[in-house]
Amino acid sequence: MSRYIFLDNWALSDYTKPDRLPYLSGYIKNKQLTVVINSLSLTELYNPGWQNAQGKERTARAISFISTHSTLIVDPMKLIRAEIESYPEQIQSLPIELDLEIMSKESRGQSLTRFLHHDELFIKQGKDIRVWVKNYEKEKLEWLGNIDKIIENAVQSGVLTRDKTGRFTQLEKEKENFLATLDRRHFSHFNAKEWEQLGARIIQLFMDATSKLPAVRSTSLYFWYAYIQTDKAHPISKAPSDLGDFYQMSMIPYCEIFTTDNKMQWLSKRIADEVSPIFCRILNKDDLDKEIGFIS
């Protein structure tokens, strides 16, 4: 499997500026890393005011960077699906939504620009970035309510226990059962034919095998540490934007380097410690500066 570096949107924004760009670019090329971004990154890169932008704005810089480096765009949900479908074998490569390596550098930039500028060519193919953004914003708004529903269902079914003050008790005892319950939520995306194709494996997956699926378990651990077994020293307030973090955490086990903001670094490291079969380094902005040798 290739060596991957996941670049969060703050990295695509700040490290494509003239001061840091040579350092990050040189580092990636020297280490022979493949840049990974997820499909949600494109919606967050979209600038609805691109027509009035002055100079080389963030989206244009990111497109230029992506076009000149080995880059994969991965859909986290397809990664999760691939793990389930491949069980008991481990997946050998990330399921690619778009491999820019098969295109010339010039074509990469042109295609990404046309897509992010909602060009008619892409709209005719049913790929309108404005619709993607609208749907993503809707999902983010629903996320907070979904958190509460998941927790309440777990309490009502006896998977989680709360005292009269609302504090969770018996966390260590109930942790694995709750994580398995969250893992199994991904099966709701499979239709009857796909269930049939899983065959006898579905029994193992419904028993305890989902704990062996790194991407699947990473998203469940995110939920556990962000909303159930929280840490007062590293508070994480609930926010609609958590949805993006929830999905991108699925890629931690497959990356050599994973960039994240200060808020999520502690949580990302906890997840990496519990599920990663390889050594994944979790870097915030200060860490990334040191890693690439940038001195401000």
C-alpha atoms as a PDB file:
ATOM      1  CA  MET A   1       0.000   0.000   0.000  1.00  0.00           C
ATOM      2  CA  SER A   2       1.196   3.524  -0.752  1.00  0.00           C
ATOM      3  CA  ARG A   3       2.318   5.856   2.009  1.00  0.00           C
ATOM      4  CA  TYR A   4      -0.437   8.373   2.620  1.00  0.00           C
ATOM      5  CA  ILE A   5      -0.584  11.826   4.166  1.00  0.00           C
ATOM      6  CA  PHE A   6      -4.051  13.179   4.906  1.00  0.00           C
ATOM      7  CA  LEU A   7      -4.240  16.949   4.581  1.00  0.00           C
ATOM      8  CA  ASP A   8      -7.027  18.659   6.469  1.00  0.00           C
ATOM      9  CA  ASN A   9      -8.593  21.739   4.924  1.00  0.00           C
ATOM     10  CA  TRP A  10      -6.552  24.106   7.075  1.00  0.00           C
ATOM     11  CA  ALA A  11      -3.415  22.526   5.594  1.00  0.00           C
ATOM     12  CA  LEU A  12      -4.745  22.901   2.047  1.00  0.00           C
ATOM     13  CA  SER A  13      -5.516  26.519   2.858  1.00  0.00           C
ATOM     14  CA  ASP A  14      -2.457  27.666   4.842  1.00  0.00           C
ATOM     15  CA  TYR A  15       0.274  25.452   3.412  1.00  0.00           C
ATOM     16  CA  THR A  16      -0.428  26.334  -0.197  1.00  0.00           C
ATOM     17  CA  LYS A  17       0.549  29.945   0.501  1.00  0.00           C
ATOM     18  CA  PRO A  18       3.953  31.044  -0.841  1.00  0.00           C
ATOM     19  CA  ASP A  19       5.746  30.928   2.525  1.00  0.00           C
ATOM     20  CA  ARG A  20       4.969  27.311   3.446  1.00  0.00           C
ATOM     21  CA  LEU A  21       4.284  25.748   0.047  1.00  0.00           C
ATOM     22  CA  PRO A  22       7.931  24.948  -0.888  1.00  0.00           C
ATOM     23  CA  TYR A  23       8.469  23.233   2.465  1.00  0.00           C
ATOM     24  CA  LEU A  24       5.357  21.052   2.312  1.00  0.00           C
ATOM     25  CA  SER A  25       5.822  20.251  -1.366  1.00  0.00           C
ATOM     26  CA  GLY A  26       9.479  19.304  -0.907  1.00  0.00           C
ATOM     27  CA  TYR A  27       8.648  17.179   2.127  1.00  0.00           C
ATOM     28  CA  ILE A  28       5.923  15.219   0.312  1.00  0.00           C
ATOM     29  CA  LYS A  29       8.132  14.577  -2.709  1.00  0.00           C
ATOM     30  CA  ASN A  30      11.214  13.627  -0.668  1.00  0.00           C
ATOM     31  CA  LYS A  31       9.199  11.207   1.485  1.00  0.00           C
ATOM     32  CA  GLN A  32       7.363   9.874  -1.602  1.00  0.00           C
ATOM     33  CA  LEU A  33       4.006  10.362   0.057  1.00  0.00           C
ATOM     34  CA  THR A  34       0.619  10.309  -1.647  1.00  0.00           C
ATOM     35  CA  VAL A  35      -1.733  13.087  -0.585  1.00  0.00           C
ATOM     36  CA  VAL A  36      -5.186  11.935   0.478  1.00  0.00           C
ATOM     37  CA  ILE A  37      -8.216  14.162   0.802  1.00  0.00           C
ATOM     38  CA  ASN A  38     -11.794  13.037   1.221  1.00  0.00           C
ATOM     39  CA  SER A  39     -14.813  13.857  -0.881  1.00  0.00           C
ATOM     40  CA  LEU A  40     -16.086  16.289   1.768  1.00  0.00           C
ATOM     41  CA  SER A  41     -12.915  18.334   1.342  1.00  0.00           C
ATOM     42  CA  LEU A  42     -14.170  19.443  -2.067  1.00  0.00           C
ATOM     43  CA  THR A  43     -17.384  20.837  -0.602  1.00  0.00           C
ATOM     44  CA  GLU A  44     -15.410  22.719   2.041  1.00  0.00           C
ATOM     45  CA  LEU A  45     -12.986  24.049  -0.577  1.00  0.00           C
ATOM     46  CA  TYR A  46     -15.821  25.445  -2.653  1.00  0.00           C
ATOM     47  CA  ASN A  47     -15.921  29.235  -2.674  1.00  0.00           C
ATOM     48  CA  PRO A  48     -19.331  30.537  -3.784  1.00  0.00           C
ATOM     49  CA  GLY A  49     -17.747  33.946  -4.368  1.00  0.00           C
ATOM     50  CA  TRP A  50     -14.972  32.688  -6.623  1.00  0.00           C
ATOM     51  CA  GLN A  51     -15.986  35.009  -9.457  1.00  0.00           C
ATOM     52  CA  ASN A  52     -15.238  38.067  -7.330  1.00  0.00           C
ATOM     53  CA  ALA A  53     -12.128  36.696  -5.645  1.00  0.00           C
ATOM     54  CA  GLN A  54      -9.014  38.846  -5.760  1.00  0.00           C
ATOM     55  CA  GLY A  55      -5.714  37.196  -6.664  1.00  0.00           C
ATOM     56  CA  LYS A  56      -5.052  33.516  -6.095  1.00  0.00           C
ATOM     57  CA  GLU A  57      -7.625  32.661  -3.436  1.00  0.00           C
ATOM     58  CA  ARG A  58      -7.655  29.528  -1.293  1.00  0.00           C
ATOM     59  CA  THR A  59      -9.530  27.287  -3.724  1.00  0.00           C
ATOM     60  CA  ALA A  60      -7.264  28.165  -6.633  1.00  0.00           C
ATOM     61  CA  ARG A  61      -4.162  27.549  -4.504  1.00  0.00           C
ATOM     62  CA  ALA A  62      -5.482  24.173  -3.346  1.00  0.00           C
ATOM     63  CA  ILE A  63      -6.282  23.136  -6.923  1.00  0.00           C
ATOM     64  CA  SER A  64      -2.776  24.109  -8.027  1.00  0.00           C
ATOM     65  CA  PHE A  65      -1.251  22.098  -5.181  1.00  0.00           C
ATOM     66  CA  ILE A  66      -3.415  19.022  -5.746  1.00  0.00           C
ATOM     67  CA  SER A  67      -2.662  19.136  -9.470  1.00  0.00           C
ATOM     68  CA  THR A  68       1.101  18.963  -8.970  1.00  0.00           C
ATOM     69  CA  HIS A  69       1.259  16.209  -6.345  1.00  0.00           C
ATOM     70  CA  SER A  70       0.258  12.567  -6.280  1.00  0.00           C
ATOM     71  CA  THR A  71      -3.249  12.887  -4.868  1.00  0.00           C
ATOM     72  CA  LEU A  72      -6.199  10.610  -4.228  1.00  0.00           C
ATOM     73  CA  ILE A  73      -9.747  11.636  -3.404  1.00  0.00           C
ATOM     74  CA  VAL A  74     -11.385   9.047  -1.148  1.00  0.00           C
ATOM     75  CA  ASP A  75     -15.025   8.716  -0.121  1.00  0.00           C
ATOM     76  CA  PRO A  76     -14.996   7.639   3.575  1.00  0.00           C
ATOM     77  CA  MET A  77     -18.274   5.767   3.199  1.00  0.00           C
ATOM     78  CA  LYS A  78     -16.818   3.680   0.362  1.00  0.00           C
ATOM     79  CA  LEU A  79     -13.796   2.920   2.548  1.00  0.00           C
ATOM     80  CA  ILE A  80     -16.100   1.649   5.287  1.00  0.00           C
ATOM     81  CA  ARG A  81     -18.087  -0.377   2.765  1.00  0.00           C
ATOM     82  CA  ALA A  82     -14.878  -1.863   1.320  1.00  0.00           C
ATOM     83  CA  GLU A  83     -13.781  -3.086   4.754  1.00  0.00           C
ATOM     84  CA  ILE A  84     -17.098  -4.831   5.326  1.00  0.00           C
ATOM     85  CA  GLU A  85     -17.176  -6.395   1.861  1.00  0.00           C
ATOM     86  CA  SER A  86     -13.553  -7.582   2.104  1.00  0.00           C
ATOM     87  CA  TYR A  87     -13.855  -9.189   5.542  1.00  0.00           C
ATOM     88  CA  PRO A  88     -12.080 -11.337   6.737  1.00  0.00           C
ATOM     89  CA  GLU A  89      -9.375 -10.076   4.382  1.00  0.00           C
ATOM     90  CA  GLN A  90      -7.946  -6.621   4.939  1.00  0.00           C
ATOM     91  CA  ILE A  91      -8.246  -4.140   2.107  1.00  0.00           C
ATOM     92  CA  GLN A  92      -4.955  -3.674   0.288  1.00  0.00           C
ATOM     93  CA  SER A  93      -5.562  -0.176  -1.054  1.00  0.00           C
ATOM     94  CA  LEU A  94      -7.863   2.720  -0.407  1.00  0.00           C
ATOM     95  CA  PRO A  95     -11.002   2.735  -2.583  1.00  0.00           C
ATOM     96  CA  ILE A  96     -10.383   5.657  -4.897  1.00  0.00           C
ATOM     97  CA  GLU A  97     -13.135   8.097  -5.764  1.00  0.00           C
ATOM     98  CA  LEU A  98     -10.825   9.929  -8.129  1.00  0.00           C
ATOM     99  CA  ASP A  99      -7.188   9.146  -8.950  1.00  0.00           C
ATOM    100  CA  LEU A 100      -5.650  12.287 -10.357  1.00  0.00           C
ATOM    101  CA  GLU A 101      -2.515  10.395 -11.352  1.00  0.00           C
ATOM    102  CA  ILE A 102      -4.235   9.058 -14.461  1.00  0.00           C
ATOM    103  CA  MET A 103      -4.662  12.615 -15.726  1.00  0.00           C
ATOM    104  CA  SER A 104      -2.033  15.066 -16.941  1.00  0.00           C
ATOM    105  CA  LYS A 105      -1.181  17.869 -14.523  1.00  0.00           C
ATOM    106  CA  GLU A 106      -2.831  20.372 -16.824  1.00  0.00           C
ATOM    107  CA  SER A 107      -6.003  18.291 -17.082  1.00  0.00           C
ATOM    108  CA  ARG A 108      -6.189  17.828 -13.306  1.00  0.00           C
ATOM    109  CA  GLY A 109      -6.223  21.549 -12.665  1.00  0.00           C
ATOM    110  CA  GLN A 110      -8.681  22.256 -15.444  1.00  0.00           C
ATOM    111  CA  SER A 111     -11.087  19.511 -14.340  1.00  0.00           C
ATOM    112  CA  LEU A 112     -11.040  20.465 -10.657  1.00  0.00           C
ATOM    113  CA  THR A 113     -11.482  24.129 -11.506  1.00  0.00           C
ATOM    114  CA  ARG A 114     -14.444  23.410 -13.779  1.00  0.00           C
ATOM    115  CA  PHE A 115     -16.027  21.190 -11.132  1.00  0.00           C
ATOM    116  CA  LEU A 116     -15.567  23.737  -8.314  1.00  0.00           C
ATOM    117  CA  HIS A 117     -16.907  26.469 -10.601  1.00  0.00           C
ATOM    118  CA  HIS A 118     -20.008  24.346 -11.321  1.00  0.00           C
ATOM    119  CA  ASP A 119     -19.261  24.131 -15.014  1.00  0.00           C
ATOM    120  CA  GLU A 120     -22.095  22.957 -17.262  1.00  0.00           C
ATOM    121  CA  LEU A 121     -20.051  19.889 -18.287  1.00  0.00           C
ATOM    122  CA  PHE A 122     -20.198  18.512 -14.740  1.00  0.00           C
ATOM    123  CA  ILE A 123     -23.756  19.621 -14.089  1.00  0.00           C
ATOM    124  CA  LYS A 124     -24.891  17.543 -17.082  1.00  0.00           C
ATOM    125  CA  GLN A 125     -23.216  14.538 -15.423  1.00  0.00           C
ATOM    126  CA  GLY A 126     -25.224  15.157 -12.254  1.00  0.00           C
ATOM    127  CA  LYS A 127     -22.195  16.517 -10.381  1.00  0.00           C
ATOM    128  CA  ASP A 128     -23.082  19.982  -9.147  1.00  0.00           C
ATOM    129  CA  ILE A 129     -20.835  21.194  -6.332  1.00  0.00           C
ATOM    130  CA  ARG A 130     -23.581  23.555  -5.174  1.00  0.00           C
ATOM    131  CA  VAL A 131     -25.891  20.588  -4.590  1.00  0.00           C
ATOM    132  CA  TRP A 132     -23.105  18.754  -2.743  1.00  0.00           C
ATOM    133  CA  VAL A 133     -22.598  21.766  -0.471  1.00  0.00           C
ATOM    134  CA  LYS A 134     -26.337  22.128   0.167  1.00  0.00           C
ATOM    135  CA  ASN A 135     -26.710  18.437   1.049  1.00  0.00           C
ATOM    136  CA  TYR A 136     -23.642  18.506   3.284  1.00  0.00           C
ATOM    137  CA  GLU A 137     -24.916  21.565   5.151  1.00  0.00           C
ATOM    138  CA  LYS A 138     -28.231  19.780   5.678  1.00  0.00           C
ATOM    139  CA  GLU A 139     -26.463  16.711   7.037  1.00  0.00           C
ATOM    140  CA  LYS A 140     -24.390  18.855   9.385  1.00  0.00           C
ATOM    141  CA  LEU A 141     -27.506  20.505  10.769  1.00  0.00           C
ATOM    142  CA  GLU A 142     -29.043  17.072  11.391  1.00  0.00           C
ATOM    143  CA  TRP A 143     -25.893  15.718  13.036  1.00  0.00           C
ATOM    144  CA  LEU A 144     -26.501  17.151  16.511  1.00  0.00           C
ATOM    145  CA  GLY A 145     -29.990  15.661  16.604  1.00  0.00           C
ATOM    146  CA  ASN A 146     -28.641  12.317  15.411  1.00  0.00           C
ATOM    147  CA  ILE A 147     -26.111  12.278  18.249  1.00  0.00           C
ATOM    148  CA  ASP A 148     -28.885  12.659  20.803  1.00  0.00           C
ATOM    149  CA  LYS A 149     -31.029  10.002  19.104  1.00  0.00           C
ATOM    150  CA  ILE A 150     -28.191   7.464  19.042  1.00  0.00           C
ATOM    151  CA  ILE A 151     -27.434   8.018  22.723  1.00  0.00           C
ATOM    152  CA  GLU A 152     -31.075   7.951  23.782  1.00  0.00           C
ATOM    153  CA  ASN A 153     -31.719   4.717  21.836  1.00  0.00           C
ATOM    154  CA  ALA A 154     -28.699   3.139  23.511  1.00  0.00           C
ATOM    155  CA  VAL A 155     -29.955   4.146  26.948  1.00  0.00           C
ATOM    156  CA  GLN A 156     -33.495   2.941  26.271  1.00  0.00           C
ATOM    157  CA  SER A 157     -32.222  -0.434  25.012  1.00  0.00           C
ATOM    158  CA  GLY A 158     -29.907  -0.909  27.989  1.00  0.00           C
ATOM    159  CA  VAL A 159     -26.675  -0.598  25.997  1.00  0.00           C
ATOM    160  CA  LEU A 160     -25.699   2.491  28.000  1.00  0.00           C
ATOM    161  CA  THR A 161     -26.514   3.337  31.606  1.00  0.00           C
ATOM    162  CA  ARG A 162     -27.098   6.804  33.028  1.00  0.00           C
ATOM    163  CA  ASP A 163     -27.643   7.897  36.619  1.00  0.00           C
ATOM    164  CA  LYS A 164     -30.251  10.436  37.723  1.00  0.00           C
ATOM    165  CA  THR A 165     -27.941  13.329  36.899  1.00  0.00           C
ATOM    166  CA  GLY A 166     -27.506  12.103  33.331  1.00  0.00           C
ATOM    167  CA  ARG A 167     -23.918  10.960  33.878  1.00  0.00           C
ATOM    168  CA  PHE A 168     -22.871   7.773  32.117  1.00  0.00           C
ATOM    169  CA  THR A 169     -21.919   4.936  34.439  1.00  0.00           C
ATOM    170  CA  GLN A 170     -20.313   1.522  33.848  1.00  0.00           C
ATOM    171  CA  LEU A 171     -18.382   2.933  30.888  1.00  0.00           C
ATOM    172  CA  GLU A 172     -15.688   0.280  30.739  1.00  0.00           C
ATOM    173  CA  LYS A 173     -18.235  -2.513  31.044  1.00  0.00           C
ATOM    174  CA  GLU A 174     -20.521  -1.116  28.358  1.00  0.00           C
ATOM    175  CA  LYS A 175     -17.946   0.327  25.968  1.00  0.00           C
ATOM    176  CA  GLU A 176     -17.482  -2.633  23.608  1.00  0.00           C
ATOM    177  CA  ASN A 177     -21.192  -3.378  23.319  1.00  0.00           C
ATOM    178  CA  PHE A 178     -21.929   0.241  22.459  1.00  0.00           C
ATOM    179  CA  LEU A 179     -19.075   0.388  19.927  1.00  0.00           C
ATOM    180  CA  ALA A 180     -20.351  -2.777  18.255  1.00  0.00           C
ATOM    181  CA  THR A 181     -23.822  -1.250  18.067  1.00  0.00           C
ATOM    182  CA  LEU A 182     -22.384   1.806  16.340  1.00  0.00           C
ATOM    183  CA  ASP A 183     -20.323  -0.386  14.002  1.00  0.00           C
ATOM    184  CA  ARG A 184     -23.446  -2.218  12.877  1.00  0.00           C
ATOM    185  CA  ARG A 185     -25.183   1.011  11.881  1.00  0.00           C
ATOM    186  CA  HIS A 186     -23.164   0.886   8.663  1.00  0.00           C
ATOM    187  CA  PHE A 187     -25.019  -2.248   7.581  1.00  0.00           C
ATOM    188  CA  SER A 188     -28.126  -0.141   7.028  1.00  0.00           C
ATOM    189  CA  HIS A 189     -26.511   1.076   3.792  1.00  0.00           C
ATOM    190  CA  PHE A 190     -26.489  -2.454   2.326  1.00  0.00           C
ATOM    191  CA  ASN A 191     -29.416  -3.693   0.240  1.00  0.00           C
ATOM    192  CA  ALA A 192     -30.812  -7.226   0.224  1.00  0.00           C
ATOM    193  CA  LYS A 193     -28.575  -8.417  -2.616  1.00  0.00           C
ATOM    194  CA  GLU A 194     -25.479  -7.056  -0.898  1.00  0.00           C
ATOM    195  CA  TRP A 195     -26.484  -8.774   2.332  1.00  0.00           C
ATOM    196  CA  GLU A 196     -26.743 -12.026   0.410  1.00  0.00           C
ATOM    197  CA  GLN A 197     -23.278 -11.550  -1.058  1.00  0.00           C
ATOM    198  CA  LEU A 198     -21.810 -11.253   2.430  1.00  0.00           C
ATOM    199  CA  GLY A 199     -23.060 -14.774   3.090  1.00  0.00           C
ATOM    200  CA  ALA A 200     -22.020 -16.458   6.319  1.00  0.00           C
ATOM    201  CA  ARG A 201     -19.614 -13.626   7.052  1.00  0.00           C
ATOM    202  CA  ILE A 202     -22.522 -11.524   8.224  1.00  0.00           C
ATOM    203  CA  ILE A 203     -22.834 -13.741  11.302  1.00  0.00           C
ATOM    204  CA  GLN A 204     -19.246 -13.047  12.334  1.00  0.00           C
ATOM    205  CA  LEU A 205     -19.643  -9.372  11.590  1.00  0.00           C
ATOM    206  CA  PHE A 206     -22.701  -9.184  13.788  1.00  0.00           C
ATOM    207  CA  MET A 207     -20.943 -11.046  16.583  1.00  0.00           C
ATOM    208  CA  ASP A 208     -17.690  -9.186  17.175  1.00  0.00           C
ATOM    209  CA  ALA A 209     -15.768  -8.986  13.898  1.00  0.00           C
ATOM    210  CA  THR A 210     -16.528  -5.321  13.259  1.00  0.00           C
ATOM    211  CA  SER A 211     -13.953  -4.506  15.927  1.00  0.00           C
ATOM    212  CA  LYS A 212     -11.342  -5.769  13.443  1.00  0.00           C
ATOM    213  CA  LEU A 213     -12.383  -3.273  10.748  1.00  0.00           C
ATOM    214  CA  PRO A 214     -10.115  -0.241  11.286  1.00  0.00           C
ATOM    215  CA  ALA A 215     -12.122   2.445   9.473  1.00  0.00           C
ATOM    216  CA  VAL A 216     -15.434   1.211  10.863  1.00  0.00           C
ATOM    217  CA  ARG A 217     -14.136   1.087  14.424  1.00  0.00           C
ATOM    218  CA  SER A 218     -12.419   4.483  14.102  1.00  0.00           C
ATOM    219  CA  THR A 219     -15.719   6.259  13.474  1.00  0.00           C
ATOM    220  CA  SER A 220     -17.308   4.486  16.446  1.00  0.00           C
ATOM    221  CA  LEU A 221     -14.405   5.413  18.712  1.00  0.00           C
ATOM    222  CA  TYR A 222     -14.771   9.008  17.584  1.00  0.00           C
ATOM    223  CA  PHE A 223     -18.358   8.994  18.807  1.00  0.00           C
ATOM    224  CA  TRP A 224     -17.393   7.280  22.070  1.00  0.00           C
ATOM    225  CA  TYR A 225     -14.643   9.684  23.100  1.00  0.00           C
ATOM    226  CA  ALA A 226     -16.297  12.824  21.731  1.00  0.00           C
ATOM    227  CA  TYR A 227     -19.738  12.324  23.276  1.00  0.00           C
ATOM    228  CA  ILE A 228     -19.706   9.485  25.834  1.00  0.00           C
ATOM    229  CA  GLN A 229     -16.387   9.005  27.650  1.00  0.00           C
ATOM    230  CA  THR A 230     -15.314  12.610  27.445  1.00  0.00           C
ATOM    231  CA  ASP A 231     -12.144  14.061  28.956  1.00  0.00           C
ATOM    232  CA  LYS A 232     -12.389  17.302  30.950  1.00  0.00           C
ATOM    233  CA  ALA A 233      -8.791  18.123  30.029  1.00  0.00           C
ATOM    234  CA  HIS A 234      -9.665  17.931  26.333  1.00  0.00           C
ATOM    235  CA  PRO A 235     -13.253  19.207  26.029  1.00  0.00           C
ATOM    236  CA  ILE A 236     -14.932  18.799  22.662  1.00  0.00           C
ATOM    237  CA  SER A 237     -18.126  20.789  22.333  1.00  0.00           C
ATOM    238  CA  LYS A 238     -20.781  19.395  20.031  1.00  0.00           C
ATOM    239  CA  ALA A 239     -20.891  21.204  16.700  1.00  0.00           C
ATOM    240  CA  PRO A 240     -22.378  20.495  13.252  1.00  0.00           C
ATOM    241  CA  SER A 241     -18.862  20.534  11.787  1.00  0.00           C
ATOM    242  CA  ASP A 242     -18.081  17.402  13.833  1.00  0.00           C
ATOM    243  CA  LEU A 243     -19.688  15.414  11.026  1.00  0.00           C
ATOM    244  CA  GLY A 244     -16.726  16.028   8.738  1.00  0.00           C
ATOM    245  CA  ASP A 245     -14.293  14.976  11.474  1.00  0.00           C
ATOM    246  CA  PHE A 246     -16.377  11.873  12.145  1.00  0.00           C
ATOM    247  CA  TYR A 247     -15.915  10.655   8.580  1.00  0.00           C
ATOM    248  CA  GLN A 248     -12.305  11.650   8.058  1.00  0.00           C
ATOM    249  CA  MET A 249     -11.243   9.788  11.215  1.00  0.00           C
ATOM    250  CA  SER A 250     -11.962   6.607   9.248  1.00  0.00           C
ATOM    251  CA  MET A 251      -8.742   7.164   7.311  1.00  0.00           C
ATOM    252  CA  ILE A 252      -6.403   7.316  10.320  1.00  0.00           C
ATOM    253  CA  PRO A 253      -5.464   3.591  10.185  1.00  0.00           C
ATOM    254  CA  TYR A 254      -4.413   3.894   6.549  1.00  0.00           C
ATOM    255  CA  CYS A 255      -2.290   7.030   6.799  1.00  0.00           C
ATOM    256  CA  GLU A 256       1.323   7.503   7.777  1.00  0.00           C
ATOM    257  CA  ILE A 257       0.620  11.134   8.632  1.00  0.00           C
ATOM    258  CA  PHE A 258      -2.745  12.595   9.550  1.00  0.00           C
ATOM    259  CA  THR A 259      -3.170  16.343  10.011  1.00  0.00           C
ATOM    260  CA  THR A 260      -5.845  17.707  12.299  1.00  0.00           C
ATOM    261  CA  ASP A 261      -6.587  20.847  14.288  1.00  0.00           C
ATOM    262  CA  ASN A 262      -5.758  21.351  17.963  1.00  0.00           C
ATOM    263  CA  LYS A 263      -9.298  20.520  19.025  1.00  0.00           C
ATOM    264  CA  MET A 264      -9.229  17.088  17.449  1.00  0.00           C
ATOM    265  CA  GLN A 265      -5.583  16.114  17.913  1.00  0.00           C
ATOM    266  CA  TRP A 266      -6.043  14.428  21.287  1.00  0.00           C
ATOM    267  CA  LEU A 267      -9.066  12.502  20.057  1.00  0.00           C
ATOM    268  CA  SER A 268      -7.306  11.481  16.838  1.00  0.00           C
ATOM    269  CA  LYS A 269      -4.339  10.130  18.799  1.00  0.00           C
ATOM    270  CA  ARG A 270      -6.604   8.068  21.044  1.00  0.00           C
ATOM    271  CA  ILE A 271      -8.257   6.536  18.023  1.00  0.00           C
ATOM    272  CA  ALA A 272      -4.900   5.823  16.361  1.00  0.00           C
ATOM    273  CA  ASP A 273      -3.618   4.123  19.520  1.00  0.00           C
ATOM    274  CA  GLU A 274      -6.611   1.771  19.625  1.00  0.00           C
ATOM    275  CA  VAL A 275      -7.116   0.786  16.007  1.00  0.00           C
ATOM    276  CA  SER A 276      -4.110   1.568  13.866  1.00  0.00           C
ATOM    277  CA  PRO A 277      -2.140  -1.486  12.733  1.00  0.00           C
ATOM    278  CA  ILE A 278       0.591   0.889  11.549  1.00  0.00           C
ATOM    279  CA  PHE A 279       2.256   3.909  13.094  1.00  0.00           C
ATOM    280  CA  CYS A 280       0.142   6.916  12.199  1.00  0.00           C
ATOM    281  CA  ARG A 281       1.519  10.272  13.287  1.00  0.00           C
ATOM    282  CA  ILE A 282      -1.120  12.852  14.224  1.00  0.00           C
ATOM    283  CA  LEU A 283       0.100  16.388  13.528  1.00  0.00           C
ATOM    284  CA  ASN A 284      -1.398  19.774  14.312  1.00  0.00           C
ATOM    285  CA  LYS A 285      -0.136  22.984  12.694  1.00  0.00           C
ATOM    286  CA  ASP A 286       2.869  23.428  14.998  1.00  0.00           C
ATOM    287  CA  ASP A 287       3.828  19.780  14.535  1.00  0.00           C
ATOM    288  CA  LEU A 288       3.538  20.046  10.755  1.00  0.00           C
ATOM    289  CA  ASP A 289       5.746  23.138  10.715  1.00  0.00           C
ATOM    290  CA  LYS A 290       8.456  21.215  12.567  1.00  0.00           C
ATOM    291  CA  GLU A 291       8.000  18.141  10.379  1.00  0.00           C
ATOM    292  CA  ILE A 292       8.541  20.018   7.138  1.00  0.00           C
ATOM    293  CA  GLY A 293      11.248  22.290   8.561  1.00  0.00           C
ATOM    294  CA  PHE A 294       9.325  25.543   8.336  1.00  0.00           C
ATOM    295  CA  ILE A 295      10.445  28.314  10.714  1.00  0.00           C
ATOM    296  CA  SER A 296       8.267  31.407  10.887  1.00  0.00           C
END
